[in-house]
């Protein structure tokens, strides 16, 4: 009996040891997989920045991007084939990064050489990231002579990598908001300066988590629109010209800070009065608002509903500042299940509950005339006592300026949507609705 007890104890200890080794190896493997994904994301983001920093480096950026696509293709082909494709992709990355150094204007006399400052900034980053990705991508913790990222289901989400739209990040729901074939949890979104999401020069490609950590906002977060010919409906219809309240202080989201001051460029909504005629501005003549549904209602409500006209602009803005500062919405995390339209819709509902005339804005920006789609984003807007309108970035709580053409007014379609891109302000299509539900009813492609 004693001998049997000893054997049982030895077997139990052996099982614990095997379990510990297996668990430890798996944990290390998952860590390597996460490192590989993070490195790939950073490489992709850095090559995107490189292309923006210098047109001469654009061809190099494309070579890096092509190599990264080859790595993603390799991961979707588990087994020995994956390992062979990885080695080929790393060879292409080595060549592209070496080419950046060779094309430096300090070493090349060609007309399209890359500026020395750009090379000095991005070359070390790319070299370090390449080594980091190589190290993580060649880890073989299970000892089967195949890199762990080449296993059939490296992220353990139950979906084989050959069918997984995000093979190195656990995403069993397979969410893909922009329908580009890359899962939201490992995709790169357009990340812009939170103080002015419409300023495309401030935008880079980052993951949702990295963008939030860097203080930016995700703007490519709604299902893309098809790109049509950007034109402005100058004949009237339901296109309104809103007077925007310009921001002169950046302390809106800070409790305890001095009340920010704002200026209006007129104090009325041009073409938005209840009689259906314009009061001047860009459209002129008779302006017909569409009856029924949500169209035209935001303009009327901004003049007759919500806050009384006796409240001063300063008091109104302080009250708005307090309401937004108390809201939990700007501190929410952007995830695959909570995107910018959720931010905008939730903040709009909160502000409505506080007595403000808040509505929902969908904004689409044409980033590249050659592209077939445009980036979509959602904002919360608040109509002021004097007929102005304030746009708030709900991911941060900051007031933003959508006056792209700088004429002191913001053109916006009121309760109207088209699947074809029809610019209303600069290079953007701006649509104002009573609520997120009203926008969805009008056909705004949200998920």
Protein backbone atom coordinates (compact mmCIF):
# COMPACT_ATOMS: atom_id res chain seq x y z
CA UNK A 1 0.00 0.00 0.00
CA UNK A 2 2.84 2.42 0.90
CA UNK A 3 4.51 1.64 -2.42
CA UNK A 4 1.23 2.37 -4.22
CA UNK A 5 0.89 5.68 -2.38
CA UNK A 6 4.42 6.65 -3.41
CA UNK A 7 3.65 5.80 -7.04
CA UNK A 8 0.46 7.86 -6.91
CA UNK A 9 2.34 10.79 -5.41
CA UNK A 10 5.06 10.57 -8.06
CA UNK A 11 2.47 10.41 -10.81
CA UNK A 12 0.67 13.44 -9.35
CA UNK A 13 3.90 15.45 -9.14
CA UNK A 14 4.76 14.43 -12.70
CA UNK A 15 1.34 15.57 -13.93
CA UNK A 16 1.76 18.91 -12.16
CA UNK A 17 5.20 19.35 -13.71
CA UNK A 18 3.94 18.53 -17.20
CA UNK A 19 0.98 20.86 -16.70
CA UNK A 20 3.25 23.66 -15.51
CA UNK A 21 5.64 23.24 -18.45
CA UNK A 22 2.80 23.13 -20.96
CA UNK A 23 1.08 26.15 -19.45
CA UNK A 24 4.33 28.14 -19.28
CA UNK A 25 5.21 27.32 -22.87
CA UNK A 26 1.74 28.30 -24.04
CA UNK A 27 1.95 31.60 -22.13
CA UNK A 28 5.32 32.39 -23.70
CA UNK A 29 3.91 31.45 -27.10
CA UNK A 30 0.94 33.78 -26.69
CA UNK A 31 3.32 36.54 -25.62
CA UNK A 32 5.41 36.02 -28.75
CA UNK A 33 2.29 36.04 -30.92
CA UNK A 34 1.12 39.31 -29.38
CA UNK A 35 4.58 40.79 -29.88
CA UNK A 36 4.53 39.75 -33.53
CA UNK A 37 1.14 41.38 -34.07
CA UNK A 38 2.16 44.58 -32.27
CA UNK A 39 5.36 44.74 -34.30
CA UNK A 40 3.46 44.24 -37.57
CA UNK A 41 1.02 47.00 -36.60
CA UNK A 42 3.84 49.40 -35.81
CA UNK A 43 5.68 48.53 -39.02
CA UNK A 44 2.52 49.21 -41.01
CA UNK A 45 1.89 52.48 -39.19
CA UNK A 46 5.50 53.63 -39.65
CA UNK A 47 5.55 52.87 -43.37
CA UNK A 48 2.31 54.86 -43.71
CA UNK A 49 3.91 57.82 -41.95
CA UNK A 50 7.00 57.48 -44.15
CA UNK A 51 4.84 57.81 -47.28
CA UNK A 52 3.27 60.98 -45.88
CA UNK A 53 6.60 62.44 -44.81
CA UNK A 54 8.20 62.22 -48.25
CA UNK A 55 6.77 61.61 -51.71
CA UNK A 56 10.21 60.33 -52.75
CA UNK A 57 9.88 57.52 -50.20
CA UNK A 58 6.44 56.50 -51.41
CA UNK A 59 7.74 53.61 -53.56
CA UNK A 60 9.74 52.27 -50.60
CA UNK A 61 6.68 52.51 -48.40
CA UNK A 62 4.74 50.45 -50.95
CA UNK A 63 7.47 47.76 -50.94
CA UNK A 64 7.24 47.51 -47.15
CA UNK A 65 3.44 47.34 -47.35
CA UNK A 66 3.63 44.54 -49.94
CA UNK A 67 6.01 42.56 -47.70
CA UNK A 68 3.64 42.97 -44.74
CA UNK A 69 0.78 41.65 -46.86
CA UNK A 70 2.96 38.65 -47.71
CA UNK A 71 3.48 38.02 -43.98
CA UNK A 72 -0.28 38.10 -43.39
CA UNK A 73 -0.71 35.70 -46.31
CA UNK A 74 1.91 33.40 -44.79
CA UNK A 75 0.10 33.27 -41.45
CA UNK A 76 -3.08 32.26 -43.28
CA UNK A 77 -1.20 29.26 -44.73
CA UNK A 78 -0.19 27.26 -41.62
CA UNK A 79 2.60 24.71 -41.64
CA UNK A 80 5.86 24.57 -43.58
CA UNK A 81 4.45 26.77 -46.35
CA UNK A 82 4.01 29.56 -43.80
CA UNK A 83 7.64 29.38 -42.72
CA UNK A 84 8.90 29.58 -46.30
CA UNK A 85 6.67 32.58 -47.06
CA UNK A 86 7.83 34.33 -43.88
CA UNK A 87 11.48 34.01 -44.89
CA UNK A 88 10.68 35.45 -48.31
CA UNK A 89 8.74 38.35 -46.77
CA UNK A 90 11.54 39.18 -44.33
CA UNK A 91 13.99 39.21 -47.24
CA UNK A 92 11.77 41.75 -49.02
CA UNK A 93 11.55 43.87 -45.87
CA UNK A 94 15.34 43.83 -45.51
CA UNK A 95 15.71 44.99 -49.11
CA UNK A 96 13.13 47.80 -48.76
CA UNK A 97 14.68 49.16 -45.58
CA UNK A 98 18.21 48.95 -47.03
CA UNK A 99 16.90 50.80 -50.09
CA UNK A 100 15.73 53.66 -47.88
CA UNK A 101 19.29 54.11 -46.64
CA UNK A 102 20.71 53.81 -50.18
CA UNK A 103 18.27 56.41 -51.52
CA UNK A 104 19.25 58.98 -48.90
CA UNK A 105 20.22 62.27 -50.55
CA UNK A 106 23.54 62.06 -48.72
CA UNK A 107 24.35 58.91 -50.69
CA UNK A 108 22.42 59.43 -53.90
CA UNK A 109 22.52 62.19 -56.50
CA UNK A 110 19.22 61.17 -58.12
CA UNK A 111 16.42 63.70 -58.44
CA UNK A 112 14.06 61.55 -56.37
CA UNK A 113 16.42 60.89 -53.47
CA UNK A 114 14.90 60.81 -49.98
CA UNK A 115 15.57 63.76 -47.69
CA UNK A 116 18.26 63.06 -45.09
CA UNK A 117 16.04 64.17 -42.21
CA UNK A 118 13.35 61.68 -43.24
CA UNK A 119 15.87 58.85 -43.51
CA UNK A 120 17.39 59.74 -40.12
CA UNK A 121 13.93 59.69 -38.53
CA UNK A 122 12.45 56.53 -40.02
CA UNK A 123 15.38 54.23 -40.84
CA UNK A 124 16.28 53.38 -37.20
CA UNK A 125 12.59 52.85 -36.38
CA UNK A 126 12.08 50.47 -39.29
CA UNK A 127 15.28 48.54 -38.56
CA UNK A 128 14.37 48.07 -34.87
CA UNK A 129 10.81 47.04 -35.72
CA UNK A 130 12.01 44.54 -38.31
CA UNK A 131 14.31 42.84 -35.80
CA UNK A 132 11.52 42.80 -33.22
CA UNK A 133 9.05 41.22 -35.63
CA UNK A 134 11.63 38.67 -36.84
CA UNK A 135 12.36 37.60 -33.28
CA UNK A 136 8.70 37.21 -32.36
CA UNK A 137 7.70 35.60 -35.66
CA UNK A 138 10.37 32.89 -35.51
CA UNK A 139 9.62 31.78 -31.93
CA UNK A 140 8.97 28.03 -31.69
CA UNK A 141 7.97 27.33 -28.10
CA UNK A 142 6.24 24.03 -28.82
CA UNK A 143 9.39 22.68 -30.53
CA UNK A 144 7.68 21.42 -33.67
CA UNK A 145 10.17 23.25 -35.93
CA UNK A 146 7.40 25.54 -37.18
CA UNK A 147 7.07 29.15 -35.94
CA UNK A 148 4.24 29.49 -33.44
CA UNK A 149 2.51 32.11 -35.58
CA UNK A 150 2.32 29.43 -38.31
CA UNK A 151 0.24 27.06 -36.17
CA UNK A 152 -3.31 26.32 -37.34
CA UNK A 153 -4.91 28.59 -34.68
CA UNK A 154 -2.14 30.67 -33.07
CA UNK A 155 -4.46 33.06 -31.19
CA UNK A 156 -6.62 30.25 -29.77
CA UNK A 157 -9.97 31.79 -30.67
CA UNK A 158 -11.30 28.57 -32.21
CA UNK A 159 -11.08 29.88 -35.78
CA UNK A 160 -8.34 28.36 -37.99
CA UNK A 161 -5.93 31.02 -39.23
CA UNK A 162 -6.79 30.21 -42.84
CA UNK A 163 -10.31 31.55 -42.12
CA UNK A 164 -9.42 34.05 -39.35
CA UNK A 165 -9.56 37.73 -40.34
CA UNK A 166 -7.29 38.51 -37.41
CA UNK A 167 -5.16 35.34 -36.91
CA UNK A 168 -2.82 36.71 -34.22
CA UNK A 169 -5.44 38.40 -32.01
CA UNK A 170 -8.28 36.53 -30.35
CA UNK A 171 -11.50 37.73 -32.00
CA UNK A 172 -14.09 34.93 -32.16
CA UNK A 173 -16.79 37.39 -33.35
CA UNK A 174 -14.71 38.30 -36.44
CA UNK A 175 -15.93 41.92 -36.42
CA UNK A 176 -14.83 43.85 -39.51
CA UNK A 177 -16.51 47.25 -39.43
CA UNK A 178 -14.99 48.66 -42.63
CA UNK A 179 -15.35 45.34 -44.46
CA UNK A 180 -11.74 45.33 -45.68
CA UNK A 181 -11.14 41.71 -44.71
CA UNK A 182 -9.07 42.62 -41.62
CA UNK A 183 -10.62 42.18 -38.18
CA UNK A 184 -11.19 45.36 -36.17
CA UNK A 185 -8.93 44.25 -33.31
CA UNK A 186 -5.86 44.06 -35.54
CA UNK A 187 -6.78 46.60 -38.22
CA UNK A 188 -5.24 50.02 -38.70
CA UNK A 189 -7.78 52.85 -38.61
CA UNK A 190 -7.44 56.49 -39.55
CA UNK A 191 -6.34 58.17 -36.32
CA UNK A 192 -6.59 61.96 -36.23
CA UNK A 193 -5.86 64.86 -33.91
CA UNK A 194 -8.70 64.91 -31.40
CA UNK A 195 -8.98 68.71 -31.55
CA UNK A 196 -9.76 68.66 -35.29
CA UNK A 197 -10.71 65.27 -36.76
CA UNK A 198 -11.45 66.89 -40.13
CA UNK A 199 -7.80 67.95 -40.50
CA UNK A 200 -6.54 65.06 -42.60
CA UNK A 201 -2.93 66.30 -42.41
CA UNK A 202 -2.90 65.30 -38.74
CA UNK A 203 -4.05 61.74 -39.46
CA UNK A 204 -2.03 58.53 -39.49
CA UNK A 205 -2.88 54.84 -39.52
CA UNK A 206 -2.95 53.23 -36.06
CA UNK A 207 -4.77 50.51 -34.17
CA UNK A 208 -7.72 51.65 -32.10
CA UNK A 209 -5.82 51.03 -28.84
CA UNK A 210 -2.68 52.89 -29.94
CA UNK A 211 -4.72 55.80 -31.27
CA UNK A 212 -6.54 56.21 -27.97
CA UNK A 213 -3.30 55.92 -25.99
CA UNK A 214 -1.77 58.67 -28.15
CA UNK A 215 -4.73 61.00 -27.51
CA UNK A 216 -6.22 60.72 -31.00
CA UNK A 217 -9.65 59.74 -32.28
CA UNK A 218 -10.67 57.04 -34.75
CA UNK A 219 -12.37 58.60 -37.75
CA UNK A 220 -12.60 55.69 -40.19
CA UNK A 221 -15.08 53.93 -37.94
CA UNK A 222 -18.31 53.76 -39.92
CA UNK A 223 -18.95 51.55 -42.92
CA UNK A 224 -17.40 53.34 -45.93
CA UNK A 225 -19.44 55.16 -48.54
CA UNK A 226 -19.05 54.66 -52.25
CA UNK A 227 -17.27 57.61 -53.76
CA UNK A 228 -19.25 59.66 -56.28
CA UNK A 229 -18.50 62.98 -57.91
CA UNK A 230 -18.10 65.60 -55.14
CA UNK A 231 -20.70 68.26 -55.94
CA UNK A 232 -22.68 70.77 -53.91
CA UNK A 233 -26.46 70.94 -54.24
CA UNK A 234 -26.77 74.71 -54.67
CA UNK A 235 -30.39 74.56 -55.77
CA UNK A 236 -31.75 74.30 -52.26
CA UNK A 237 -33.52 71.08 -51.42
CA UNK A 238 -32.75 70.05 -47.87
CA UNK A 239 -29.17 71.38 -47.79
CA UNK A 240 -28.72 73.90 -45.01
CA UNK A 241 -25.88 76.28 -44.18
CA UNK A 242 -25.14 76.26 -40.46
CA UNK A 243 -23.28 79.00 -38.64
CA UNK A 244 -20.47 77.35 -36.75
CA UNK A 245 -19.23 78.52 -33.36
CA UNK A 246 -15.46 78.83 -33.61
CA UNK A 247 -13.29 77.47 -30.81
CA UNK A 248 -10.88 79.94 -29.21
CA UNK A 249 -9.88 77.83 -26.20
CA UNK A 250 -8.74 74.23 -25.84
CA UNK A 251 -9.84 73.73 -22.23
CA UNK A 252 -13.38 72.51 -22.90
CA UNK A 253 -12.90 69.05 -21.46
CA UNK A 254 -11.12 70.16 -18.28
CA UNK A 255 -13.16 70.57 -15.12
CA UNK A 256 -12.12 73.53 -13.03
CA UNK A 257 -10.50 75.38 -15.94
CA UNK A 258 -11.69 78.86 -16.96
CA UNK A 259 -14.80 78.90 -19.10
CA UNK A 260 -13.68 78.92 -22.75
CA UNK A 261 -14.76 81.82 -24.93
CA UNK A 262 -16.33 81.33 -28.33
CA UNK A 263 -17.27 83.55 -31.21
CA UNK A 264 -20.12 83.17 -33.65
CA UNK A 265 -20.08 84.42 -37.21
CA UNK A 266 -23.69 85.53 -37.26
CA UNK A 267 -25.82 83.68 -34.75
CA UNK A 268 -28.48 82.34 -37.15
CA UNK A 269 -28.94 79.23 -39.19
CA UNK A 270 -28.85 80.36 -42.80
CA UNK A 271 -31.76 78.86 -44.72
CA UNK A 272 -33.14 77.13 -41.66
CA UNK A 273 -36.02 79.31 -40.50
CA UNK A 274 -39.53 77.95 -40.22
CA UNK A 275 -40.95 80.04 -43.05
CA UNK A 276 -38.77 78.16 -45.53
CA UNK A 277 -36.98 81.23 -46.89
CA UNK A 278 -33.37 82.10 -46.47
CA UNK A 279 -32.00 85.00 -44.49
CA UNK A 280 -28.94 85.40 -46.66
CA UNK A 281 -25.69 83.46 -46.74
CA UNK A 282 -24.47 81.09 -49.39
CA UNK A 283 -27.69 79.74 -50.89
CA UNK A 284 -29.86 82.83 -51.34
CA UNK A 285 -33.42 82.92 -52.67
CA UNK A 286 -36.09 80.52 -51.51
CA UNK A 287 -35.06 77.52 -49.47
CA UNK A 288 -37.55 74.68 -49.30
CA UNK A 289 -37.32 72.31 -46.36
CA UNK A 290 -38.66 68.80 -46.70
CA UNK A 291 -41.72 68.09 -44.64
CA UNK A 292 -42.15 64.91 -42.62
CA UNK A 293 -39.55 62.55 -41.15
CA UNK A 294 -36.41 64.04 -39.73
CA UNK A 295 -35.52 66.36 -42.60
CA UNK A 296 -35.56 70.01 -41.60
CA UNK A 297 -36.44 69.29 -37.99
CA UNK A 298 -32.99 69.89 -36.56
CA UNK A 299 -32.91 73.42 -37.92
CA UNK A 300 -36.37 74.27 -36.56
CA UNK A 301 -35.61 72.71 -33.18
CA UNK A 302 -32.41 74.67 -32.85
CA UNK A 303 -34.43 77.90 -32.98
CA UNK A 304 -37.63 76.97 -31.16
CA UNK A 305 -36.78 74.03 -28.90
CA UNK A 306 -34.25 73.16 -26.24
CA UNK A 307 -32.75 76.19 -24.50
CA UNK A 308 -34.41 79.58 -24.26
CA UNK A 309 -32.97 82.53 -26.14
CA UNK A 310 -32.60 84.50 -22.90
CA UNK A 311 -29.61 82.43 -21.77
CA UNK A 312 -26.29 84.10 -22.55
CA UNK A 313 -23.75 82.34 -24.71
CA UNK A 314 -21.27 82.26 -21.83
CA UNK A 315 -23.76 80.67 -19.41
CA UNK A 316 -24.85 78.19 -22.06
CA UNK A 317 -21.28 77.15 -22.81
CA UNK A 318 -20.41 76.75 -19.14
CA UNK A 319 -23.46 74.56 -18.65
CA UNK A 320 -22.48 72.53 -21.72
CA UNK A 321 -18.90 72.24 -20.50
CA UNK A 322 -20.08 70.90 -17.16
CA UNK A 323 -22.43 68.39 -18.80
CA UNK A 324 -19.76 67.02 -21.13
CA UNK A 325 -17.16 66.92 -18.34
CA UNK A 326 -19.54 64.86 -16.20
CA UNK A 327 -20.29 62.44 -19.03
CA UNK A 328 -18.63 59.02 -19.05
CA UNK A 329 -18.81 58.77 -22.85
CA UNK A 330 -15.49 60.52 -23.70
CA UNK A 331 -13.63 58.11 -21.40
CA UNK A 332 -15.09 54.98 -23.01
CA UNK A 333 -12.76 52.67 -24.93
CA UNK A 334 -13.11 52.38 -28.69
CA UNK A 335 -13.63 48.66 -29.36
CA UNK A 336 -15.03 46.40 -32.06
CA UNK A 337 -18.42 46.61 -30.28
CA UNK A 338 -18.34 50.32 -29.42
CA UNK A 339 -17.45 52.54 -32.37
CA UNK A 340 -17.70 56.28 -33.05
CA UNK A 341 -21.43 56.19 -33.87
CA UNK A 342 -22.00 54.72 -30.39
CA UNK A 343 -19.95 57.53 -28.83
CA UNK A 344 -21.94 60.16 -30.74
CA UNK A 345 -25.32 58.56 -30.10
CA UNK A 346 -24.74 58.06 -26.37
CA UNK A 347 -23.42 61.59 -25.80
CA UNK A 348 -26.36 63.01 -27.78
CA UNK A 349 -28.83 61.12 -25.56
CA UNK A 350 -27.06 62.27 -22.38
CA UNK A 351 -27.07 65.91 -23.45
CA UNK A 352 -30.72 65.70 -24.51
CA UNK A 353 -31.47 64.41 -21.00
CA UNK A 354 -29.71 67.47 -19.58
CA UNK A 355 -32.01 69.78 -21.56
CA UNK A 356 -29.75 70.57 -24.52
CA UNK A 357 -30.93 70.39 -28.11
CA UNK A 358 -28.36 67.79 -29.13
CA UNK A 359 -28.43 65.91 -32.40
CA UNK A 360 -26.29 63.42 -34.34
CA UNK A 361 -23.83 64.24 -37.15
CA UNK A 362 -22.39 61.79 -39.68
CA UNK A 363 -19.33 63.12 -41.50
CA UNK A 364 -17.58 61.58 -44.51
CA UNK A 365 -14.20 62.82 -45.72
CA UNK A 366 -12.68 62.21 -49.15
CA UNK A 367 -9.06 61.46 -48.31
CA UNK A 368 -7.87 60.41 -51.76
CA UNK A 369 -9.58 61.16 -55.09
CA UNK A 370 -8.22 57.87 -56.44
CA UNK A 371 -9.87 55.77 -53.74
CA UNK A 372 -13.23 54.14 -54.24
CA UNK A 373 -14.49 54.83 -50.70
CA UNK A 374 -14.39 57.69 -48.20
CA UNK A 375 -13.78 57.62 -44.44
CA UNK A 376 -16.82 57.91 -42.18
CA UNK A 377 -17.05 59.40 -38.71
CA UNK A 378 -19.74 60.45 -36.22
CA UNK A 379 -19.96 63.53 -33.98
CA UNK A 380 -22.42 64.96 -31.49
CA UNK A 381 -23.74 68.44 -32.22
CA UNK A 382 -25.52 70.91 -29.95
CA UNK A 383 -27.71 73.79 -31.16
CA UNK A 384 -27.17 77.07 -29.29
CA UNK A 385 -29.77 79.57 -28.02
CA UNK A 386 -28.89 82.07 -30.76
CA UNK A 387 -29.19 79.56 -33.60
CA UNK A 388 -25.57 78.49 -33.90
CA UNK A 389 -24.31 74.93 -33.75
CA UNK A 390 -21.41 73.36 -31.86
CA UNK A 391 -19.80 70.09 -32.93
CA UNK A 392 -18.30 67.93 -30.17
CA UNK A 393 -15.88 65.05 -30.71
CA UNK A 394 -17.54 62.51 -28.37
CA UNK A 395 -14.39 60.36 -28.00
CA UNK A 396 -12.62 63.24 -26.21
CA UNK A 397 -15.30 65.81 -25.34
CA UNK A 398 -13.53 68.57 -27.30
CA UNK A 399 -15.25 71.08 -29.54
CA UNK A 400 -14.15 70.75 -33.16
CA UNK A 401 -14.36 73.04 -36.16
CA UNK A 402 -15.81 71.59 -39.37
CA UNK A 403 -15.48 74.81 -41.37
CA UNK A 404 -13.04 73.37 -43.91
CA UNK A 405 -13.29 76.18 -46.43
CA UNK A 406 -12.90 78.88 -43.76
CA UNK A 407 -15.90 80.99 -44.79
CA UNK A 408 -17.35 81.18 -41.26
CA UNK A 409 -20.21 78.80 -42.08
CA UNK A 410 -20.54 75.04 -42.30
CA UNK A 411 -22.66 73.55 -45.07
CA UNK A 412 -24.52 70.42 -43.98
CA UNK A 413 -27.27 68.20 -45.32
CA UNK A 414 -30.18 68.16 -42.87
CA UNK A 415 -31.69 64.68 -42.48
CA UNK A 416 -30.57 63.60 -45.95
CA UNK A 417 -28.28 60.80 -47.05
CA UNK A 418 -26.98 59.39 -50.32
CA UNK A 419 -24.80 56.35 -50.89
CA UNK A 420 -22.77 58.43 -53.34
CA UNK A 421 -20.33 60.92 -51.83
CA UNK A 422 -21.69 64.47 -52.25
CA UNK A 423 -19.40 67.03 -50.59
CA UNK A 424 -21.16 69.76 -48.63
CA UNK A 425 -18.16 71.36 -46.90
CA UNK A 426 -14.72 71.43 -48.46
CA UNK A 427 -13.86 67.78 -49.04
CA UNK A 428 -16.41 66.48 -46.53
CA UNK A 429 -20.03 65.43 -46.58
CA UNK A 430 -21.73 66.51 -43.36
CA UNK A 431 -25.16 65.18 -42.40
CA UNK A 432 -27.15 66.31 -39.33
CA UNK A 433 -29.95 64.13 -37.87
CA UNK A 434 -32.25 64.26 -34.86
CA UNK A 435 -30.65 61.12 -33.43
CA UNK A 436 -28.53 58.10 -34.26
CA UNK A 437 -31.72 56.12 -34.94
CA UNK A 438 -32.91 58.83 -37.37
CA UNK A 439 -29.55 58.62 -39.18
CA UNK A 440 -29.88 54.84 -39.46
CA UNK A 441 -33.44 55.22 -40.76
CA UNK A 442 -32.16 57.63 -43.43
CA UNK A 443 -29.72 54.97 -44.63
CA UNK A 444 -26.45 56.03 -43.00
CA UNK A 445 -24.40 52.77 -43.16
CA UNK A 446 -23.64 52.19 -39.49
CA UNK A 447 -23.15 48.85 -37.76
